[in-house]
Amino acid sequence: MASPRMAELTPDERKTLKAMSTAKSLENLQKLDVSQLTVETCFKGTNVQTALKFDEVGTRAALIAMIERTVQFIDANKTLSTPEEIELTMNELLQQFPCLTIEDWRLCCYQMDKEVYGPYYERLKLAQFVQCFMKYEALKQPVVQSIRERESQEMELELKEAIRYLQPEYATQINPIANRVNAADWFKGEDRLTYTEREEMEKRAKQKTQQ
């Protein structure tokens, strides 16, 4: 969702894209090979709060199914046993971990099945789910930080490349965009290049290096 193209979409188009993302995430859960999931791919999934806005019934059903699957897989004497307990657990997890994606939930539950976060000592209640989700989120933080740093570096390189093309010496026939853009205004946020224009710049740069 954090794509440069998003800035060029209308509010209605953004809503449509988020709804499609939600539908895709929920559909993928049915055929997902969870053993192939990584924290990075989960991070790029659909946020649970967003999913609830666009398909509350489907999202809640998917989250409850994950909790139930984990409860059934883990052989604990004291565990969640009623629909009310499972729903309470889901609501508490949603409240405490609003930034997780649907895919994060699936991977975390899968890792709980493998006791990645430690043994349960015959008890798998709300507290144990919260503890495991907290440990998952802690493990996720350095990965997210690395992704953010990489995105920041890519944006910085993109900015430098765009500014390079805005210099007067590049205002030639092969770069008509520079003829209409003032570098000072660009820095102020005016006359910003669109994603399509940046793509065109990159295309021309590649052609130039191949000559």
N, C-alpha and C. Protein backbone atom coordinates (compact mmCIF):
# COMPACT_ATOMS: atom_id res chain seq x y z
N MET A 1 0.80 -1.20 0.00
CA MET A 1 0.00 0.00 0.00
C MET A 1 0.84 1.26 0.00
N ALA A 2 2.05 1.18 0.42
CA ALA A 2 2.89 2.37 0.50
C ALA A 2 3.61 2.60 -0.82
N SER A 3 2.90 2.40 -1.92
CA SER A 3 3.49 2.57 -3.24
C SER A 3 3.41 4.01 -3.68
N PRO A 4 4.40 4.49 -4.48
CA PRO A 4 4.33 5.86 -4.99
C PRO A 4 3.08 6.10 -5.79
N ARG A 5 2.54 5.07 -6.43
CA ARG A 5 1.34 5.22 -7.22
C ARG A 5 0.13 5.61 -6.37
N MET A 6 0.14 5.26 -5.09
CA MET A 6 -0.99 5.57 -4.22
C MET A 6 -1.26 7.06 -4.15
N ALA A 7 -0.21 7.87 -4.24
CA ALA A 7 -0.37 9.33 -4.16
C ALA A 7 -1.14 9.88 -5.34
N GLU A 8 -1.19 9.12 -6.43
CA GLU A 8 -1.86 9.59 -7.62
C GLU A 8 -3.30 9.09 -7.70
N LEU A 9 -3.73 8.26 -6.74
CA LEU A 9 -5.08 7.71 -6.76
C LEU A 9 -6.07 8.62 -6.07
N THR A 10 -7.32 8.57 -6.52
CA THR A 10 -8.38 9.30 -5.85
C THR A 10 -8.79 8.54 -4.60
N PRO A 11 -9.51 9.17 -3.65
CA PRO A 11 -9.97 8.45 -2.45
C PRO A 11 -10.77 7.20 -2.78
N ASP A 12 -11.63 7.28 -3.79
CA ASP A 12 -12.43 6.11 -4.17
C ASP A 12 -11.55 5.00 -4.73
N GLU A 13 -10.54 5.39 -5.48
CA GLU A 13 -9.62 4.38 -6.04
C GLU A 13 -8.82 3.71 -4.93
N ARG A 14 -8.43 4.49 -3.91
CA ARG A 14 -7.70 3.91 -2.78
C ARG A 14 -8.57 2.90 -2.06
N LYS A 15 -9.85 3.25 -1.85
CA LYS A 15 -10.77 2.34 -1.17
C LYS A 15 -10.92 1.04 -1.96
N THR A 16 -11.05 1.18 -3.27
CA THR A 16 -11.19 -0.01 -4.12
C THR A 16 -9.95 -0.89 -4.03
N LEU A 17 -8.77 -0.25 -4.05
CA LEU A 17 -7.52 -1.01 -3.97
C LEU A 17 -7.39 -1.73 -2.64
N LYS A 18 -7.77 -1.06 -1.54
CA LYS A 18 -7.70 -1.69 -0.22
C LYS A 18 -8.70 -2.84 -0.11
N ALA A 19 -9.88 -2.66 -0.69
CA ALA A 19 -10.87 -3.74 -0.67
C ALA A 19 -10.37 -4.95 -1.45
N MET A 20 -9.72 -4.70 -2.57
CA MET A 20 -9.16 -5.80 -3.37
C MET A 20 -8.04 -6.49 -2.61
N SER A 21 -7.23 -5.71 -1.90
CA SER A 21 -6.14 -6.29 -1.11
C SER A 21 -6.68 -7.17 0.00
N THR A 22 -7.76 -6.71 0.64
CA THR A 22 -8.39 -7.50 1.70
C THR A 22 -8.91 -8.82 1.16
N ALA A 23 -9.62 -8.74 0.03
CA ALA A 23 -10.18 -9.94 -0.58
C ALA A 23 -9.07 -10.92 -0.97
N LYS A 24 -7.96 -10.39 -1.48
CA LYS A 24 -6.85 -11.24 -1.89
C LYS A 24 -6.21 -11.93 -0.69
N SER A 25 -6.03 -11.18 0.40
CA SER A 25 -5.42 -11.76 1.61
C SER A 25 -6.29 -12.86 2.18
N LEU A 26 -7.59 -12.62 2.25
CA LEU A 26 -8.50 -13.62 2.80
C LEU A 26 -8.56 -14.86 1.91
N GLU A 27 -8.52 -14.63 0.61
CA GLU A 27 -8.54 -15.76 -0.33
C GLU A 27 -7.26 -16.57 -0.23
N ASN A 28 -6.13 -15.87 -0.12
CA ASN A 28 -4.84 -16.56 -0.07
C ASN A 28 -4.69 -17.43 1.17
N LEU A 29 -5.40 -17.07 2.25
CA LEU A 29 -5.31 -17.88 3.48
C LEU A 29 -5.76 -19.31 3.25
N GLN A 30 -6.68 -19.49 2.30
CA GLN A 30 -7.21 -20.82 2.05
C GLN A 30 -6.21 -21.74 1.34
N LYS A 31 -5.30 -21.15 0.56
CA LYS A 31 -4.35 -21.95 -0.22
C LYS A 31 -2.90 -21.63 0.14
N LEU A 32 -2.73 -20.99 1.28
CA LEU A 32 -1.41 -20.53 1.69
C LEU A 32 -0.55 -21.66 2.23
N ASP A 33 0.69 -21.73 1.75
CA ASP A 33 1.69 -22.63 2.34
C ASP A 33 2.39 -21.82 3.43
N VAL A 34 1.88 -21.94 4.64
CA VAL A 34 2.36 -21.08 5.72
C VAL A 34 3.83 -21.29 6.02
N SER A 35 4.35 -22.45 5.68
CA SER A 35 5.77 -22.71 5.95
C SER A 35 6.68 -21.81 5.09
N GLN A 36 6.13 -21.23 4.02
CA GLN A 36 6.90 -20.37 3.15
C GLN A 36 6.77 -18.89 3.53
N LEU A 37 5.93 -18.59 4.51
CA LEU A 37 5.74 -17.20 4.92
C LEU A 37 6.98 -16.68 5.65
N THR A 38 7.26 -15.40 5.44
CA THR A 38 8.32 -14.73 6.18
C THR A 38 7.74 -13.46 6.80
N VAL A 39 8.44 -12.91 7.76
CA VAL A 39 7.96 -11.67 8.39
C VAL A 39 7.85 -10.56 7.36
N GLU A 40 8.79 -10.53 6.42
CA GLU A 40 8.77 -9.47 5.40
C GLU A 40 7.56 -9.58 4.48
N THR A 41 7.22 -10.78 4.05
CA THR A 41 6.04 -10.94 3.20
C THR A 41 4.77 -10.63 3.98
N CYS A 42 4.76 -10.98 5.27
CA CYS A 42 3.60 -10.66 6.11
C CYS A 42 3.43 -9.16 6.27
N PHE A 43 4.54 -8.47 6.42
CA PHE A 43 4.51 -7.01 6.59
C PHE A 43 3.85 -6.35 5.39
N LYS A 44 3.99 -6.93 4.22
CA LYS A 44 3.43 -6.37 3.00
C LYS A 44 1.98 -6.81 2.78
N GLY A 45 1.42 -7.54 3.74
CA GLY A 45 0.04 -8.01 3.62
C GLY A 45 -0.98 -6.94 3.95
N THR A 46 -2.19 -7.37 4.31
CA THR A 46 -3.29 -6.45 4.60
C THR A 46 -3.47 -6.28 6.10
N ASN A 47 -3.41 -5.04 6.57
CA ASN A 47 -3.60 -4.75 7.98
C ASN A 47 -4.97 -5.25 8.44
N VAL A 48 -5.02 -5.83 9.63
CA VAL A 48 -6.28 -6.41 10.11
C VAL A 48 -7.37 -5.34 10.29
N GLN A 49 -6.99 -4.15 10.73
CA GLN A 49 -7.98 -3.09 10.92
C GLN A 49 -8.57 -2.66 9.58
N THR A 50 -7.72 -2.59 8.56
CA THR A 50 -8.20 -2.27 7.22
C THR A 50 -9.12 -3.36 6.72
N ALA A 51 -8.73 -4.61 6.93
CA ALA A 51 -9.54 -5.74 6.48
C ALA A 51 -10.91 -5.73 7.15
N LEU A 52 -10.96 -5.39 8.43
CA LEU A 52 -12.24 -5.34 9.15
C LEU A 52 -13.17 -4.28 8.58
N LYS A 53 -12.61 -3.18 8.10
CA LYS A 53 -13.44 -2.12 7.52
C LYS A 53 -14.09 -2.55 6.21
N PHE A 54 -13.38 -3.35 5.43
CA PHE A 54 -13.88 -3.72 4.12
C PHE A 54 -14.58 -5.07 4.08
N ASP A 55 -14.29 -5.93 5.02
CA ASP A 55 -14.97 -7.23 5.09
C ASP A 55 -14.91 -7.72 6.53
N GLU A 56 -15.75 -7.15 7.37
CA GLU A 56 -15.70 -7.49 8.80
C GLU A 56 -16.04 -8.96 9.05
N VAL A 57 -17.11 -9.44 8.40
CA VAL A 57 -17.54 -10.82 8.63
C VAL A 57 -16.46 -11.81 8.19
N GLY A 58 -15.95 -11.62 6.98
CA GLY A 58 -14.93 -12.53 6.47
C GLY A 58 -13.65 -12.48 7.27
N THR A 59 -13.25 -11.28 7.67
CA THR A 59 -12.01 -11.13 8.44
C THR A 59 -12.13 -11.77 9.81
N ARG A 60 -13.22 -11.49 10.51
CA ARG A 60 -13.42 -12.09 11.83
C ARG A 60 -13.47 -13.61 11.75
N ALA A 61 -14.13 -14.12 10.72
CA ALA A 61 -14.21 -15.57 10.55
C ALA A 61 -12.82 -16.16 10.34
N ALA A 62 -11.98 -15.46 9.56
CA ALA A 62 -10.62 -15.96 9.30
C ALA A 62 -9.77 -15.94 10.56
N LEU A 63 -9.88 -14.87 11.35
CA LEU A 63 -9.08 -14.77 12.58
C LEU A 63 -9.51 -15.80 13.61
N ILE A 64 -10.82 -15.99 13.75
CA ILE A 64 -11.33 -17.01 14.68
C ILE A 64 -10.86 -18.40 14.26
N ALA A 65 -10.88 -18.65 12.94
CA ALA A 65 -10.44 -19.95 12.44
C ALA A 65 -8.97 -20.21 12.78
N MET A 66 -8.15 -19.17 12.73
CA MET A 66 -6.73 -19.34 13.07
C MET A 66 -6.57 -19.70 14.54
N ILE A 67 -7.31 -18.99 15.40
CA ILE A 67 -7.22 -19.28 16.83
C ILE A 67 -7.70 -20.69 17.12
N GLU A 68 -8.82 -21.07 16.52
CA GLU A 68 -9.37 -22.41 16.74
C GLU A 68 -8.40 -23.49 16.26
N ARG A 69 -7.76 -23.25 15.12
CA ARG A 69 -6.81 -24.22 14.58
C ARG A 69 -5.63 -24.41 15.53
N THR A 70 -5.16 -23.32 16.10
CA THR A 70 -4.04 -23.39 17.03
C THR A 70 -4.45 -24.12 18.31
N VAL A 71 -5.65 -23.83 18.81
CA VAL A 71 -6.14 -24.49 20.02
C VAL A 71 -6.26 -25.99 19.81
N GLN A 72 -6.75 -26.38 18.63
CA GLN A 72 -6.93 -27.80 18.33
C GLN A 72 -5.58 -28.51 18.14
N PHE A 73 -4.62 -27.78 17.59
CA PHE A 73 -3.32 -28.39 17.31
C PHE A 73 -2.51 -28.61 18.58
N ILE A 74 -2.57 -27.63 19.49
CA ILE A 74 -1.77 -27.70 20.72
C ILE A 74 -2.55 -28.47 21.78
N ASP A 75 -1.97 -29.52 22.27
CA ASP A 75 -2.64 -30.38 23.25
C ASP A 75 -2.41 -29.82 24.65
N ALA A 76 -3.33 -28.95 25.09
CA ALA A 76 -3.23 -28.34 26.42
C ALA A 76 -4.47 -28.70 27.23
N ASN A 77 -4.28 -29.02 28.50
CA ASN A 77 -5.42 -29.37 29.35
C ASN A 77 -6.34 -28.18 29.60
N LYS A 78 -5.75 -27.03 29.87
CA LYS A 78 -6.51 -25.82 30.11
C LYS A 78 -6.36 -24.92 28.88
N THR A 79 -7.43 -24.83 28.10
CA THR A 79 -7.36 -24.09 26.84
C THR A 79 -8.68 -23.40 26.56
N LEU A 80 -8.72 -22.64 25.48
CA LEU A 80 -9.97 -21.99 25.07
C LEU A 80 -10.94 -23.07 24.62
N SER A 81 -12.14 -23.01 25.15
CA SER A 81 -13.08 -24.10 24.85
C SER A 81 -14.46 -23.64 24.39
N THR A 82 -14.78 -22.38 24.56
CA THR A 82 -16.11 -21.89 24.18
C THR A 82 -15.98 -20.80 23.12
N PRO A 83 -17.02 -20.59 22.32
CA PRO A 83 -17.00 -19.51 21.32
C PRO A 83 -16.76 -18.15 21.96
N GLU A 84 -17.29 -17.97 23.17
CA GLU A 84 -17.12 -16.69 23.87
C GLU A 84 -15.65 -16.44 24.22
N GLU A 85 -14.96 -17.49 24.66
CA GLU A 85 -13.54 -17.34 25.01
C GLU A 85 -12.70 -17.04 23.77
N ILE A 86 -13.02 -17.70 22.68
CA ILE A 86 -12.27 -17.49 21.44
C ILE A 86 -12.51 -16.08 20.91
N GLU A 87 -13.76 -15.62 20.96
CA GLU A 87 -14.07 -14.27 20.49
C GLU A 87 -13.40 -13.22 21.37
N LEU A 88 -13.40 -13.46 22.68
CA LEU A 88 -12.74 -12.54 23.61
C LEU A 88 -11.25 -12.45 23.30
N THR A 89 -10.63 -13.60 23.03
CA THR A 89 -9.21 -13.64 22.69
C THR A 89 -8.94 -12.87 21.40
N MET A 90 -9.77 -13.09 20.39
CA MET A 90 -9.60 -12.38 19.12
C MET A 90 -9.71 -10.86 19.33
N ASN A 91 -10.73 -10.42 20.06
CA ASN A 91 -10.93 -8.98 20.28
C ASN A 91 -9.77 -8.36 21.05
N GLU A 92 -9.24 -9.10 22.01
CA GLU A 92 -8.12 -8.58 22.80
C GLU A 92 -6.86 -8.46 21.93
N LEU A 93 -6.64 -9.45 21.08
CA LEU A 93 -5.48 -9.41 20.18
C LEU A 93 -5.61 -8.27 19.18
N LEU A 94 -6.82 -8.04 18.68
CA LEU A 94 -7.05 -6.94 17.75
C LEU A 94 -6.77 -5.59 18.42
N GLN A 95 -7.15 -5.50 19.68
CA GLN A 95 -6.96 -4.24 20.40
C GLN A 95 -5.48 -4.00 20.72
N GLN A 96 -4.78 -5.03 21.12
CA GLN A 96 -3.39 -4.86 21.54
C GLN A 96 -2.40 -4.83 20.38
N PHE A 97 -2.78 -5.42 19.24
CA PHE A 97 -1.86 -5.51 18.11
C PHE A 97 -2.52 -5.02 16.82
N PRO A 98 -2.91 -3.74 16.78
CA PRO A 98 -3.64 -3.21 15.62
C PRO A 98 -2.80 -3.08 14.36
N CYS A 99 -1.48 -3.14 14.48
CA CYS A 99 -0.61 -2.94 13.32
C CYS A 99 -0.28 -4.24 12.58
N LEU A 100 -0.68 -5.37 13.13
CA LEU A 100 -0.39 -6.64 12.47
C LEU A 100 -1.28 -6.83 11.26
N THR A 101 -0.78 -7.58 10.31
CA THR A 101 -1.54 -7.92 9.12
C THR A 101 -2.24 -9.27 9.31
N ILE A 102 -3.14 -9.57 8.41
CA ILE A 102 -3.79 -10.89 8.43
C ILE A 102 -2.72 -11.98 8.32
N GLU A 103 -1.75 -11.73 7.47
CA GLU A 103 -0.67 -12.69 7.26
C GLU A 103 0.19 -12.83 8.51
N ASP A 104 0.38 -11.73 9.25
CA ASP A 104 1.11 -11.81 10.53
C ASP A 104 0.40 -12.78 11.48
N TRP A 105 -0.89 -12.68 11.56
CA TRP A 105 -1.67 -13.57 12.43
C TRP A 105 -1.42 -15.02 12.04
N ARG A 106 -1.45 -15.30 10.74
CA ARG A 106 -1.29 -16.67 10.28
C ARG A 106 0.10 -17.20 10.62
N LEU A 107 1.12 -16.39 10.40
CA LEU A 107 2.48 -16.83 10.70
C LEU A 107 2.68 -17.00 12.20
N CYS A 108 2.16 -16.08 12.98
CA CYS A 108 2.32 -16.16 14.43
C CYS A 108 1.65 -17.43 14.98
N CYS A 109 0.44 -17.70 14.51
CA CYS A 109 -0.27 -18.91 14.97
C CYS A 109 0.48 -20.17 14.55
N TYR A 110 1.04 -20.14 13.36
CA TYR A 110 1.83 -21.29 12.88
C TYR A 110 3.05 -21.50 13.77
N GLN A 111 3.70 -20.42 14.13
CA GLN A 111 4.87 -20.53 15.01
C GLN A 111 4.47 -20.96 16.42
N MET A 112 3.27 -20.56 16.85
CA MET A 112 2.76 -21.06 18.13
C MET A 112 2.59 -22.57 18.08
N ASP A 113 2.11 -23.09 16.95
CA ASP A 113 1.96 -24.54 16.79
C ASP A 113 3.29 -25.25 16.99
N LYS A 114 4.35 -24.60 16.55
CA LYS A 114 5.69 -25.21 16.64
C LYS A 114 6.38 -24.87 17.96
N GLU A 115 5.67 -24.17 18.84
CA GLU A 115 6.20 -23.77 20.15
C GLU A 115 7.49 -22.94 19.99
N VAL A 116 7.51 -22.08 18.99
CA VAL A 116 8.65 -21.20 18.78
C VAL A 116 8.85 -20.27 19.97
N TYR A 117 7.76 -19.91 20.62
CA TYR A 117 7.83 -18.94 21.72
C TYR A 117 7.90 -19.62 23.09
N GLY A 118 8.16 -20.91 23.09
CA GLY A 118 8.30 -21.63 24.36
C GLY A 118 7.14 -22.57 24.63
N PRO A 119 7.30 -23.48 25.56
CA PRO A 119 6.23 -24.44 25.91
C PRO A 119 5.08 -23.75 26.62
N TYR A 120 3.92 -24.41 26.63
CA TYR A 120 2.72 -23.82 27.22
C TYR A 120 2.37 -24.40 28.59
N TYR A 121 3.05 -25.47 28.96
CA TYR A 121 2.83 -26.09 30.28
C TYR A 121 1.35 -26.37 30.53
N GLU A 122 0.74 -27.01 29.51
CA GLU A 122 -0.66 -27.47 29.61
C GLU A 122 -1.68 -26.34 29.73
N ARG A 123 -1.29 -25.12 29.39
CA ARG A 123 -2.24 -24.00 29.49
C ARG A 123 -2.13 -23.13 28.25
N LEU A 124 -3.27 -22.95 27.56
CA LEU A 124 -3.31 -22.10 26.37
C LEU A 124 -4.58 -21.25 26.42
N LYS A 125 -4.49 -20.20 27.17
CA LYS A 125 -5.61 -19.28 27.32
C LYS A 125 -5.27 -17.93 26.69
N LEU A 126 -6.10 -16.93 26.99
CA LEU A 126 -5.89 -15.59 26.45
C LEU A 126 -4.49 -15.07 26.75
N ALA A 127 -4.04 -15.24 27.99
CA ALA A 127 -2.73 -14.71 28.39
C ALA A 127 -1.61 -15.29 27.54
N GLN A 128 -1.70 -16.58 27.22
CA GLN A 128 -0.65 -17.21 26.43
C GLN A 128 -0.65 -16.69 24.98
N PHE A 129 -1.84 -16.47 24.43
CA PHE A 129 -1.93 -15.90 23.08
C PHE A 129 -1.31 -14.50 23.06
N VAL A 130 -1.62 -13.69 24.06
CA VAL A 130 -1.09 -12.33 24.12
C VAL A 130 0.44 -12.36 24.24
N GLN A 131 0.96 -13.24 25.08
CA GLN A 131 2.41 -13.35 25.25
C GLN A 131 3.10 -13.75 23.95
N CYS A 132 2.50 -14.69 23.23
CA CYS A 132 3.09 -15.14 21.97
C CYS A 132 3.05 -14.05 20.92
N PHE A 133 1.94 -13.33 20.85
CA PHE A 133 1.84 -12.23 19.89
C PHE A 133 2.84 -11.13 20.22
N MET A 134 3.05 -10.88 21.50
CA MET A 134 4.04 -9.88 21.91
C MET A 134 5.44 -10.30 21.48
N LYS A 135 5.77 -11.58 21.61
CA LYS A 135 7.08 -12.08 21.21
C LYS A 135 7.22 -12.01 19.69
N TYR A 136 6.15 -12.31 18.98
CA TYR A 136 6.19 -12.22 17.52
C TYR A 136 6.45 -10.78 17.09
N GLU A 137 5.74 -9.85 17.70
CA GLU A 137 5.89 -8.44 17.35
C GLU A 137 7.30 -7.95 17.65
N ALA A 138 7.88 -8.43 18.75
CA ALA A 138 9.25 -8.05 19.11
C ALA A 138 10.24 -8.56 18.06
N LEU A 139 10.03 -9.79 17.59
CA LEU A 139 10.89 -10.36 16.57
C LEU A 139 10.71 -9.65 15.23
N LYS A 140 9.53 -9.09 15.03
CA LYS A 140 9.21 -8.43 13.76
C LYS A 140 9.85 -7.05 13.65
N GLN A 141 10.05 -6.37 14.77
CA GLN A 141 10.50 -4.98 14.77
C GLN A 141 11.80 -4.75 13.99
N PRO A 142 12.86 -5.53 14.21
CA PRO A 142 14.10 -5.28 13.45
C PRO A 142 13.92 -5.50 11.96
N VAL A 143 13.05 -6.43 11.58
CA VAL A 143 12.78 -6.68 10.17
C VAL A 143 12.08 -5.47 9.56
N VAL A 144 11.08 -4.94 10.27
CA VAL A 144 10.36 -3.77 9.79
C VAL A 144 11.29 -2.57 9.68
N GLN A 145 12.15 -2.41 10.67
CA GLN A 145 13.10 -1.30 10.64
C GLN A 145 14.01 -1.40 9.43
N SER A 146 14.45 -2.61 9.12
CA SER A 146 15.31 -2.82 7.96
C SER A 146 14.57 -2.48 6.67
N ILE A 147 13.29 -2.85 6.59
CA ILE A 147 12.48 -2.55 5.41
C ILE A 147 12.32 -1.04 5.26
N ARG A 148 12.03 -0.36 6.37
CA ARG A 148 11.85 1.09 6.33
C ARG A 148 13.13 1.80 5.91
N GLU A 149 14.25 1.33 6.42
CA GLU A 149 15.54 1.95 6.05
C GLU A 149 15.82 1.75 4.57
N ARG A 150 15.51 0.56 4.07
CA ARG A 150 15.72 0.29 2.64
C ARG A 150 14.81 1.17 1.79
N GLU A 151 13.55 1.32 2.21
CA GLU A 151 12.63 2.18 1.48
C GLU A 151 13.11 3.63 1.49
N SER A 152 13.63 4.07 2.64
CA SER A 152 14.13 5.44 2.76
C SER A 152 15.31 5.67 1.84
N GLN A 153 16.21 4.69 1.76
CA GLN A 153 17.36 4.81 0.88
C GLN A 153 16.93 4.85 -0.58
N GLU A 154 15.94 4.03 -0.93
CA GLU A 154 15.45 4.01 -2.30
C GLU A 154 14.79 5.34 -2.67
N MET A 155 14.04 5.90 -1.73
CA MET A 155 13.40 7.19 -1.98
C MET A 155 14.45 8.30 -2.12
N GLU A 156 15.50 8.22 -1.31
CA GLU A 156 16.56 9.22 -1.39
C GLU A 156 17.28 9.15 -2.73
N LEU A 157 17.55 7.93 -3.19
CA LEU A 157 18.19 7.76 -4.50
C LEU A 157 17.29 8.26 -5.61
N GLU A 158 16.00 7.97 -5.49
CA GLU A 158 15.03 8.42 -6.48
C GLU A 158 14.97 9.94 -6.53
N LEU A 159 15.00 10.56 -5.35
CA LEU A 159 14.97 12.02 -5.27
C LEU A 159 16.21 12.62 -5.91
N LYS A 160 17.38 12.06 -5.59
CA LYS A 160 18.63 12.57 -6.17
C LYS A 160 18.61 12.45 -7.69
N GLU A 161 18.09 11.32 -8.17
CA GLU A 161 18.03 11.11 -9.61
C GLU A 161 17.08 12.11 -10.26
N ALA A 162 15.95 12.37 -9.61
CA ALA A 162 14.99 13.33 -10.15
C ALA A 162 15.58 14.73 -10.19
N ILE A 163 16.25 15.12 -9.10
CA ILE A 163 16.86 16.44 -9.03
C ILE A 163 17.94 16.59 -10.10
N ARG A 164 18.69 15.53 -10.34
CA ARG A 164 19.74 15.56 -11.36
C ARG A 164 19.14 15.90 -12.72
N TYR A 165 17.97 15.36 -12.99
CA TYR A 165 17.32 15.62 -14.27
C TYR A 165 16.71 17.02 -14.34
N LEU A 166 16.54 17.64 -13.18
CA LEU A 166 15.96 18.98 -13.15
C LEU A 166 17.01 20.07 -13.37
N GLN A 167 18.26 19.70 -13.36
CA GLN A 167 19.32 20.69 -13.56
C GLN A 167 19.25 21.25 -14.98
N PRO A 168 19.62 22.52 -15.15
CA PRO A 168 19.51 23.19 -16.46
C PRO A 168 20.18 22.43 -17.60
N GLU A 169 21.34 21.81 -17.32
CA GLU A 169 22.07 21.15 -18.40
C GLU A 169 21.33 19.95 -18.99
N TYR A 170 20.29 19.50 -18.27
CA TYR A 170 19.52 18.36 -18.77
C TYR A 170 18.25 18.79 -19.49
N ALA A 171 18.00 20.10 -19.58
CA ALA A 171 16.80 20.61 -20.24
C ALA A 171 17.00 20.59 -21.75
N THR A 172 16.97 19.42 -22.32
CA THR A 172 17.20 19.25 -23.74
C THR A 172 15.99 18.60 -24.38
N GLN A 173 16.09 18.30 -25.65
CA GLN A 173 14.98 17.68 -26.35
C GLN A 173 14.64 16.31 -25.79
N ILE A 174 15.64 15.60 -25.25
CA ILE A 174 15.36 14.27 -24.72
C ILE A 174 14.80 14.34 -23.30
N ASN A 175 14.75 15.54 -22.73
CA ASN A 175 14.22 15.70 -21.39
C ASN A 175 13.31 16.94 -21.29
N PRO A 176 12.19 16.93 -22.01
CA PRO A 176 11.30 18.09 -22.01
C PRO A 176 10.69 18.38 -20.65
N ILE A 177 10.66 17.40 -19.76
CA ILE A 177 10.08 17.61 -18.43
C ILE A 177 10.84 18.70 -17.69
N ALA A 178 12.16 18.70 -17.83
CA ALA A 178 12.97 19.70 -17.13
C ALA A 178 12.69 21.11 -17.62
N ASN A 179 12.17 21.24 -18.84
CA ASN A 179 11.88 22.56 -19.38
C ASN A 179 10.73 23.25 -18.65
N ARG A 180 9.87 22.48 -18.03
CA ARG A 180 8.69 23.08 -17.41
C ARG A 180 8.73 23.04 -15.89
N VAL A 181 9.75 22.43 -15.31
CA VAL A 181 9.82 22.29 -13.86
C VAL A 181 10.94 23.15 -13.30
N ASN A 182 10.61 23.98 -12.33
CA ASN A 182 11.59 24.81 -11.66
C ASN A 182 12.10 24.09 -10.42
N ALA A 183 13.42 23.93 -10.31
CA ALA A 183 13.98 23.15 -9.21
C ALA A 183 13.60 23.72 -7.85
N ALA A 184 13.60 25.06 -7.72
CA ALA A 184 13.26 25.68 -6.44
C ALA A 184 11.82 25.37 -6.05
N ASP A 185 10.91 25.43 -7.03
CA ASP A 185 9.51 25.10 -6.75
C ASP A 185 9.35 23.63 -6.41
N TRP A 186 10.17 22.80 -7.07
CA TRP A 186 10.08 21.37 -6.81
C TRP A 186 10.43 21.07 -5.36
N PHE A 187 11.46 21.74 -4.82
CA PHE A 187 11.84 21.54 -3.43
C PHE A 187 10.75 22.01 -2.49
N LYS A 188 9.97 23.01 -2.89
CA LYS A 188 8.89 23.52 -2.04
C LYS A 188 7.66 22.61 -2.08
N GLY A 189 7.70 21.64 -2.97
CA GLY A 189 6.55 20.75 -3.08
C GLY A 189 5.65 21.10 -4.24
N GLU A 190 6.06 22.07 -5.05
CA GLU A 190 5.27 22.48 -6.20
C GLU A 190 5.82 21.83 -7.46
N ASP A 191 4.93 21.58 -8.40
CA ASP A 191 5.33 21.00 -9.69
C ASP A 191 6.07 19.69 -9.50
N ARG A 192 5.65 18.90 -8.51
CA ARG A 192 6.30 17.62 -8.30
C ARG A 192 6.06 16.69 -9.49
N LEU A 193 7.02 15.87 -9.78
CA LEU A 193 6.87 14.90 -10.85
C LEU A 193 5.96 13.77 -10.40
N THR A 194 5.17 13.28 -11.32
CA THR A 194 4.31 12.14 -11.01
C THR A 194 5.11 10.86 -11.10
N TYR A 195 4.51 9.78 -10.64
CA TYR A 195 5.18 8.48 -10.68
C TYR A 195 5.48 8.11 -12.13
N THR A 196 4.53 8.39 -13.02
CA THR A 196 4.70 8.07 -14.44
C THR A 196 5.87 8.85 -15.03
N GLU A 197 5.99 10.12 -14.66
CA GLU A 197 7.09 10.94 -15.15
C GLU A 197 8.44 10.42 -14.63
N ARG A 198 8.47 10.00 -13.38
CA ARG A 198 9.71 9.45 -12.84
C ARG A 198 10.10 8.17 -13.57
N GLU A 199 9.09 7.36 -13.90
CA GLU A 199 9.36 6.15 -14.67
C GLU A 199 9.97 6.48 -16.03
N GLU A 200 9.42 7.53 -16.65
CA GLU A 200 9.94 7.95 -17.94
C GLU A 200 11.38 8.42 -17.82
N MET A 201 11.69 9.13 -16.74
CA MET A 201 13.05 9.57 -16.50
C MET A 201 14.00 8.37 -16.38
N GLU A 202 13.59 7.39 -15.61
CA GLU A 202 14.42 6.21 -15.43
C GLU A 202 14.64 5.49 -16.76
N LYS A 203 13.59 5.44 -17.57
CA LYS A 203 13.69 4.79 -18.87
C LYS A 203 14.71 5.49 -19.74
N ARG A 204 14.67 6.82 -19.75
CA ARG A 204 15.60 7.60 -20.56
C ARG A 204 17.03 7.46 -20.04
N ALA A 205 17.17 7.39 -18.72
CA ALA A 205 18.50 7.23 -18.14
C ALA A 205 19.12 5.91 -18.55
N LYS A 206 18.31 4.86 -18.57
CA LYS A 206 18.80 3.55 -18.97
C LYS A 206 19.20 3.55 -20.44
N GLN A 207 18.38 4.23 -21.25
CA GLN A 207 18.69 4.30 -22.68
C GLN A 207 20.00 5.04 -22.91
N LYS A 208 20.23 6.07 -22.10
CA LYS A 208 21.45 6.87 -22.26
C LYS A 208 22.69 6.05 -21.92
N THR A 209 22.60 5.23 -20.86
CA THR A 209 23.74 4.43 -20.45
C THR A 209 24.05 3.32 -21.44
N GLN A 210 23.04 2.92 -22.23
CA GLN A 210 23.22 1.86 -23.20
C GLN A 210 23.79 2.37 -24.52
N GLN A 211 23.78 3.68 -24.70
CA GLN A 211 24.28 4.26 -25.95
C GLN A 211 25.81 4.20 -26.01
